[in-house]
Amino acid sequence: MGGSLLLDTNAVSALNTGDAVLRRRIAGADAAYMAIITVGELHFGARKSTHVDRNLARIEDLVRALPIVGCDEDTAAQYGIIKAALRTRGRPVPENDIWIAAIACQHALTLITRDAHFDEITGLVTEAW
């Protein structure tokens, strides 16, 4: 299969619970990354859970296992392009997901997700797991 992947938050969550299909897909990739926005979403989820310490420890494990891609000025430019295009077409996408898409587009990464709204973003390559 090959290619470099960016894992959406739902994919990272599935990876964290041991999803075998996703693990095989990642094993066949050239590289797999996690967006800093995803790390933030995971922290939010951990803080609102009933097992805060356990979930925070899992996040630490994921951060050690997957390289994190951050945001910079180029990411911000991609974000602006994507959000303007979505607004023009009247197709809203959650704010954090626009940032995740911007990172994927900026670095030419295939986004692994189960969220269909990413299909609204022109130029974004996605793959459902």
N, C-alpha and C. Protein backbone atom coordinates (compact mmCIF):
# COMPACT_ATOMS: atom_id res chain seq x y z
N MET A 1 0.82 -1.20 0.00
CA MET A 1 0.00 0.00 0.00
C MET A 1 0.87 1.26 0.00
N GLY A 2 1.73 1.39 0.98
CA GLY A 2 2.65 2.52 1.02
C GLY A 2 1.96 3.83 1.31
N GLY A 3 2.66 4.91 1.04
CA GLY A 3 2.14 6.24 1.29
C GLY A 3 2.30 6.64 2.74
N SER A 4 2.24 7.94 2.96
CA SER A 4 2.33 8.48 4.32
C SER A 4 0.95 8.90 4.79
N LEU A 5 0.64 8.60 6.02
CA LEU A 5 -0.71 8.76 6.56
C LEU A 5 -0.75 9.77 7.69
N LEU A 6 -1.88 10.47 7.78
CA LEU A 6 -2.20 11.29 8.94
C LEU A 6 -3.45 10.67 9.54
N LEU A 7 -3.38 10.31 10.81
CA LEU A 7 -4.50 9.64 11.46
C LEU A 7 -5.43 10.66 12.09
N ASP A 8 -6.68 10.63 11.69
CA ASP A 8 -7.70 11.48 12.31
C ASP A 8 -7.93 10.98 13.74
N THR A 9 -8.59 11.79 14.53
CA THR A 9 -8.80 11.45 15.94
C THR A 9 -9.53 10.13 16.10
N ASN A 10 -10.53 9.86 15.25
CA ASN A 10 -11.24 8.59 15.40
C ASN A 10 -10.34 7.40 15.06
N ALA A 11 -9.40 7.58 14.15
CA ALA A 11 -8.45 6.51 13.83
C ALA A 11 -7.47 6.30 14.98
N VAL A 12 -7.00 7.38 15.58
CA VAL A 12 -6.08 7.26 16.71
C VAL A 12 -6.78 6.56 17.87
N SER A 13 -8.03 6.91 18.10
CA SER A 13 -8.79 6.27 19.18
C SER A 13 -8.93 4.77 18.91
N ALA A 14 -9.20 4.40 17.67
CA ALA A 14 -9.32 2.98 17.32
C ALA A 14 -7.98 2.27 17.47
N LEU A 15 -6.92 2.94 17.07
CA LEU A 15 -5.58 2.38 17.23
C LEU A 15 -5.30 2.13 18.71
N ASN A 16 -5.70 3.07 19.53
CA ASN A 16 -5.49 2.98 20.97
C ASN A 16 -6.24 1.80 21.60
N THR A 17 -7.34 1.39 20.97
CA THR A 17 -8.09 0.25 21.49
C THR A 17 -7.72 -1.07 20.79
N GLY A 18 -6.68 -1.01 19.95
CA GLY A 18 -6.16 -2.23 19.36
C GLY A 18 -6.80 -2.69 18.07
N ASP A 19 -7.41 -1.80 17.31
CA ASP A 19 -8.06 -2.18 16.05
C ASP A 19 -7.05 -2.85 15.12
N ALA A 20 -7.25 -4.14 14.83
CA ALA A 20 -6.29 -4.91 14.04
C ALA A 20 -6.22 -4.46 12.59
N VAL A 21 -7.34 -4.11 11.99
CA VAL A 21 -7.36 -3.66 10.59
C VAL A 21 -6.54 -2.38 10.45
N LEU A 22 -6.74 -1.46 11.36
CA LEU A 22 -6.01 -0.20 11.31
C LEU A 22 -4.52 -0.43 11.56
N ARG A 23 -4.18 -1.30 12.48
CA ARG A 23 -2.76 -1.60 12.75
C ARG A 23 -2.07 -2.16 11.50
N ARG A 24 -2.75 -3.04 10.78
CA ARG A 24 -2.18 -3.60 9.54
C ARG A 24 -2.00 -2.50 8.50
N ARG A 25 -2.98 -1.61 8.39
CA ARG A 25 -2.89 -0.52 7.41
C ARG A 25 -1.70 0.37 7.72
N ILE A 26 -1.51 0.68 8.98
CA ILE A 26 -0.39 1.53 9.37
C ILE A 26 0.94 0.81 9.15
N ALA A 27 0.98 -0.47 9.44
CA ALA A 27 2.20 -1.25 9.25
C ALA A 27 2.63 -1.27 7.78
N GLY A 28 1.66 -1.18 6.85
CA GLY A 28 1.98 -1.18 5.43
C GLY A 28 2.27 0.19 4.86
N ALA A 29 2.19 1.22 5.68
CA ALA A 29 2.42 2.60 5.22
C ALA A 29 3.90 2.95 5.30
N ASP A 30 4.29 3.94 4.51
CA ASP A 30 5.65 4.45 4.60
C ASP A 30 5.88 5.13 5.93
N ALA A 31 4.87 5.86 6.41
CA ALA A 31 4.94 6.56 7.69
C ALA A 31 3.53 6.89 8.14
N ALA A 32 3.35 7.04 9.45
CA ALA A 32 2.06 7.43 10.01
C ALA A 32 2.30 8.53 11.03
N TYR A 33 1.45 9.56 10.99
CA TYR A 33 1.59 10.73 11.85
C TYR A 33 0.27 11.04 12.53
N MET A 34 0.38 11.89 13.55
CA MET A 34 -0.78 12.39 14.27
C MET A 34 -0.65 13.92 14.30
N ALA A 35 -1.75 14.62 14.06
CA ALA A 35 -1.75 16.09 14.10
C ALA A 35 -1.81 16.57 15.54
N ILE A 36 -1.17 17.69 15.81
CA ILE A 36 -1.20 18.27 17.15
C ILE A 36 -2.64 18.57 17.57
N ILE A 37 -3.51 18.85 16.62
CA ILE A 37 -4.92 19.10 16.92
C ILE A 37 -5.54 17.83 17.49
N THR A 38 -5.19 16.69 16.93
CA THR A 38 -5.68 15.40 17.43
C THR A 38 -5.23 15.18 18.87
N VAL A 39 -3.98 15.54 19.17
CA VAL A 39 -3.50 15.41 20.55
C VAL A 39 -4.38 16.24 21.48
N GLY A 40 -4.73 17.44 21.06
CA GLY A 40 -5.62 18.28 21.86
C GLY A 40 -6.99 17.66 22.05
N GLU A 41 -7.54 17.10 20.98
CA GLU A 41 -8.85 16.45 21.09
C GLU A 41 -8.78 15.25 22.03
N LEU A 42 -7.69 14.50 21.98
CA LEU A 42 -7.52 13.37 22.89
C LEU A 42 -7.43 13.83 24.35
N HIS A 43 -6.71 14.91 24.58
CA HIS A 43 -6.62 15.45 25.94
C HIS A 43 -7.99 15.89 26.45
N PHE A 44 -8.76 16.52 25.59
CA PHE A 44 -10.11 16.92 25.97
C PHE A 44 -10.94 15.69 26.34
N GLY A 45 -10.89 14.67 25.49
CA GLY A 45 -11.63 13.45 25.76
C GLY A 45 -11.20 12.80 27.07
N ALA A 46 -9.91 12.79 27.34
CA ALA A 46 -9.40 12.20 28.58
C ALA A 46 -9.90 12.96 29.79
N ARG A 47 -9.88 14.29 29.69
CA ARG A 47 -10.28 15.13 30.84
C ARG A 47 -11.77 15.03 31.16
N LYS A 48 -12.58 14.69 30.17
CA LYS A 48 -14.01 14.57 30.45
C LYS A 48 -14.43 13.13 30.73
N SER A 49 -13.48 12.21 30.73
CA SER A 49 -13.78 10.80 30.97
C SER A 49 -13.80 10.49 32.47
N THR A 50 -14.22 9.28 32.78
CA THR A 50 -14.21 8.85 34.18
C THR A 50 -12.87 8.23 34.57
N HIS A 51 -11.99 8.02 33.60
CA HIS A 51 -10.67 7.42 33.85
C HIS A 51 -9.58 8.36 33.35
N VAL A 52 -9.53 9.54 33.91
CA VAL A 52 -8.64 10.60 33.42
C VAL A 52 -7.19 10.14 33.40
N ASP A 53 -6.67 9.65 34.51
CA ASP A 53 -5.25 9.29 34.59
C ASP A 53 -4.90 8.18 33.60
N ARG A 54 -5.74 7.18 33.51
CA ARG A 54 -5.47 6.08 32.57
C ARG A 54 -5.46 6.59 31.13
N ASN A 55 -6.42 7.44 30.78
CA ASN A 55 -6.49 7.96 29.42
C ASN A 55 -5.34 8.92 29.11
N LEU A 56 -4.91 9.70 30.08
CA LEU A 56 -3.75 10.57 29.87
C LEU A 56 -2.49 9.74 29.64
N ALA A 57 -2.36 8.63 30.35
CA ALA A 57 -1.21 7.74 30.15
C ALA A 57 -1.24 7.14 28.74
N ARG A 58 -2.42 6.81 28.24
CA ARG A 58 -2.53 6.28 26.87
C ARG A 58 -2.11 7.33 25.84
N ILE A 59 -2.46 8.57 26.11
CA ILE A 59 -2.06 9.65 25.20
C ILE A 59 -0.54 9.75 25.17
N GLU A 60 0.08 9.67 26.33
CA GLU A 60 1.55 9.71 26.39
C GLU A 60 2.15 8.59 25.56
N ASP A 61 1.58 7.40 25.63
CA ASP A 61 2.06 6.26 24.83
C ASP A 61 1.92 6.54 23.34
N LEU A 62 0.77 7.09 22.95
CA LEU A 62 0.55 7.41 21.54
C LEU A 62 1.52 8.47 21.04
N VAL A 63 1.77 9.47 21.86
CA VAL A 63 2.68 10.54 21.46
C VAL A 63 4.10 10.00 21.28
N ARG A 64 4.47 9.02 22.08
CA ARG A 64 5.79 8.39 21.92
C ARG A 64 5.83 7.51 20.66
N ALA A 65 4.69 6.93 20.30
CA ALA A 65 4.65 5.97 19.19
C ALA A 65 4.48 6.63 17.82
N LEU A 66 3.78 7.77 17.78
CA LEU A 66 3.49 8.41 16.49
C LEU A 66 4.10 9.81 16.44
N PRO A 67 4.84 10.11 15.38
CA PRO A 67 5.35 11.47 15.25
C PRO A 67 4.18 12.46 15.12
N ILE A 68 4.35 13.62 15.72
CA ILE A 68 3.31 14.64 15.70
C ILE A 68 3.67 15.72 14.70
N VAL A 69 2.67 16.09 13.90
CA VAL A 69 2.83 17.17 12.93
C VAL A 69 2.12 18.39 13.50
N GLY A 70 2.84 19.50 13.60
CA GLY A 70 2.28 20.72 14.16
C GLY A 70 1.79 21.68 13.09
N CYS A 71 1.49 22.88 13.53
CA CYS A 71 0.99 23.94 12.65
C CYS A 71 2.04 25.03 12.52
N ASP A 72 2.08 25.64 11.35
CA ASP A 72 2.94 26.78 11.12
C ASP A 72 2.23 27.74 10.16
N GLU A 73 2.95 28.70 9.64
CA GLU A 73 2.33 29.69 8.75
C GLU A 73 1.76 29.05 7.48
N ASP A 74 2.44 28.05 6.95
CA ASP A 74 1.92 27.35 5.77
C ASP A 74 0.62 26.61 6.08
N THR A 75 0.55 26.04 7.28
CA THR A 75 -0.69 25.37 7.70
C THR A 75 -1.83 26.38 7.76
N ALA A 76 -1.53 27.55 8.32
CA ALA A 76 -2.55 28.60 8.43
C ALA A 76 -3.04 29.03 7.05
N ALA A 77 -2.14 29.11 6.09
CA ALA A 77 -2.54 29.47 4.72
C ALA A 77 -3.45 28.39 4.13
N GLN A 78 -3.10 27.12 4.34
CA GLN A 78 -3.94 26.02 3.86
C GLN A 78 -5.32 26.07 4.53
N TYR A 79 -5.33 26.33 5.81
CA TYR A 79 -6.58 26.45 6.56
C TYR A 79 -7.47 27.52 5.93
N GLY A 80 -6.89 28.68 5.63
CA GLY A 80 -7.66 29.77 5.02
C GLY A 80 -8.24 29.39 3.67
N ILE A 81 -7.46 28.71 2.86
CA ILE A 81 -7.92 28.26 1.54
C ILE A 81 -9.09 27.29 1.70
N ILE A 82 -8.92 26.31 2.58
CA ILE A 82 -9.96 25.29 2.78
C ILE A 82 -11.23 25.91 3.34
N LYS A 83 -11.10 26.73 4.37
CA LYS A 83 -12.29 27.30 5.01
C LYS A 83 -13.04 28.23 4.06
N ALA A 84 -12.31 29.04 3.28
CA ALA A 84 -12.96 29.93 2.32
C ALA A 84 -13.73 29.13 1.27
N ALA A 85 -13.13 28.05 0.78
CA ALA A 85 -13.79 27.22 -0.23
C ALA A 85 -15.05 26.57 0.35
N LEU A 86 -14.95 26.08 1.57
CA LEU A 86 -16.11 25.46 2.21
C LEU A 86 -17.23 26.48 2.41
N ARG A 87 -16.86 27.68 2.82
CA ARG A 87 -17.87 28.72 3.05
C ARG A 87 -18.55 29.11 1.74
N THR A 88 -17.77 29.26 0.68
CA THR A 88 -18.32 29.61 -0.63
C THR A 88 -19.33 28.57 -1.09
N ARG A 89 -19.04 27.31 -0.83
CA ARG A 89 -19.93 26.22 -1.25
C ARG A 89 -21.02 25.92 -0.22
N GLY A 90 -20.98 26.60 0.93
CA GLY A 90 -21.99 26.36 1.96
C GLY A 90 -21.87 24.99 2.59
N ARG A 91 -20.64 24.52 2.76
CA ARG A 91 -20.38 23.19 3.31
C ARG A 91 -19.58 23.29 4.60
N PRO A 92 -20.24 23.42 5.73
CA PRO A 92 -19.50 23.53 6.99
C PRO A 92 -18.82 22.22 7.39
N VAL A 93 -17.65 22.36 7.98
CA VAL A 93 -16.89 21.25 8.54
C VAL A 93 -16.43 21.71 9.91
N PRO A 94 -16.41 20.83 10.91
CA PRO A 94 -15.94 21.26 12.23
C PRO A 94 -14.55 21.91 12.17
N GLU A 95 -14.40 22.94 12.96
CA GLU A 95 -13.19 23.77 12.95
C GLU A 95 -11.91 22.95 13.11
N ASN A 96 -11.86 22.08 14.10
CA ASN A 96 -10.66 21.27 14.29
C ASN A 96 -10.35 20.41 13.09
N ASP A 97 -11.38 19.92 12.43
CA ASP A 97 -11.17 19.07 11.26
C ASP A 97 -10.63 19.85 10.08
N ILE A 98 -10.95 21.13 9.99
CA ILE A 98 -10.35 21.96 8.94
C ILE A 98 -8.85 22.07 9.18
N TRP A 99 -8.45 22.24 10.44
CA TRP A 99 -7.01 22.31 10.77
C TRP A 99 -6.32 20.98 10.45
N ILE A 100 -6.96 19.87 10.79
CA ILE A 100 -6.38 18.56 10.49
C ILE A 100 -6.24 18.38 8.98
N ALA A 101 -7.26 18.79 8.23
CA ALA A 101 -7.20 18.71 6.77
C ALA A 101 -6.08 19.60 6.22
N ALA A 102 -5.92 20.78 6.80
CA ALA A 102 -4.86 21.70 6.36
C ALA A 102 -3.49 21.07 6.53
N ILE A 103 -3.28 20.39 7.65
CA ILE A 103 -2.00 19.71 7.88
C ILE A 103 -1.80 18.60 6.85
N ALA A 104 -2.85 17.82 6.60
CA ALA A 104 -2.75 16.73 5.62
C ALA A 104 -2.43 17.28 4.23
N CYS A 105 -3.11 18.33 3.82
CA CYS A 105 -2.86 18.93 2.50
C CYS A 105 -1.46 19.51 2.42
N GLN A 106 -1.05 20.22 3.44
CA GLN A 106 0.27 20.86 3.47
C GLN A 106 1.39 19.84 3.27
N HIS A 107 1.25 18.69 3.89
CA HIS A 107 2.33 17.69 3.86
C HIS A 107 2.05 16.53 2.91
N ALA A 108 1.01 16.66 2.09
CA ALA A 108 0.63 15.63 1.11
C ALA A 108 0.46 14.26 1.78
N LEU A 109 -0.29 14.25 2.89
CA LEU A 109 -0.55 13.02 3.63
C LEU A 109 -1.98 12.54 3.35
N THR A 110 -2.16 11.25 3.30
CA THR A 110 -3.50 10.67 3.18
C THR A 110 -4.12 10.65 4.57
N LEU A 111 -5.30 11.24 4.70
CA LEU A 111 -5.99 11.29 5.98
C LEU A 111 -6.80 10.02 6.19
N ILE A 112 -6.52 9.32 7.27
CA ILE A 112 -7.25 8.11 7.62
C ILE A 112 -8.36 8.51 8.59
N THR A 113 -9.60 8.32 8.17
CA THR A 113 -10.74 8.80 8.95
C THR A 113 -12.00 8.01 8.62
N ARG A 114 -12.98 8.17 9.47
CA ARG A 114 -14.32 7.65 9.19
C ARG A 114 -15.32 8.79 9.04
N ASP A 115 -14.85 10.01 9.08
CA ASP A 115 -15.73 11.18 8.99
C ASP A 115 -15.95 11.57 7.53
N ALA A 116 -17.18 11.42 7.06
CA ALA A 116 -17.51 11.70 5.66
C ALA A 116 -17.39 13.18 5.31
N HIS A 117 -17.48 14.08 6.29
CA HIS A 117 -17.43 15.50 5.95
C HIS A 117 -16.07 15.92 5.38
N PHE A 118 -15.03 15.12 5.58
CA PHE A 118 -13.74 15.43 4.97
C PHE A 118 -13.82 15.35 3.44
N ASP A 119 -14.80 14.61 2.92
CA ASP A 119 -14.98 14.51 1.47
C ASP A 119 -15.34 15.85 0.84
N GLU A 120 -15.78 16.80 1.64
CA GLU A 120 -16.12 18.12 1.15
C GLU A 120 -14.90 18.99 0.84
N ILE A 121 -13.74 18.54 1.24
CA ILE A 121 -12.52 19.35 1.11
C ILE A 121 -11.77 18.98 -0.15
N THR A 122 -11.78 19.89 -1.10
CA THR A 122 -11.14 19.68 -2.38
C THR A 122 -9.62 19.52 -2.20
N GLY A 123 -9.07 18.51 -2.84
CA GLY A 123 -7.63 18.30 -2.80
C GLY A 123 -7.16 17.44 -1.63
N LEU A 124 -8.03 17.15 -0.71
CA LEU A 124 -7.68 16.31 0.44
C LEU A 124 -7.85 14.85 0.05
N VAL A 125 -6.81 14.05 0.27
CA VAL A 125 -6.88 12.63 -0.01
C VAL A 125 -7.25 11.92 1.30
N THR A 126 -8.35 11.19 1.26
CA THR A 126 -8.80 10.46 2.45
C THR A 126 -8.92 8.98 2.17
N GLU A 127 -8.88 8.23 3.24
CA GLU A 127 -9.11 6.79 3.15
C GLU A 127 -9.88 6.38 4.39
N ALA A 128 -11.00 5.70 4.16
CA ALA A 128 -11.78 5.17 5.28
C ALA A 128 -11.15 3.88 5.75
N TRP A 129 -11.04 3.71 7.00
CA TRP A 129 -10.48 2.47 7.54
C TRP A 129 -11.60 1.62 8.04
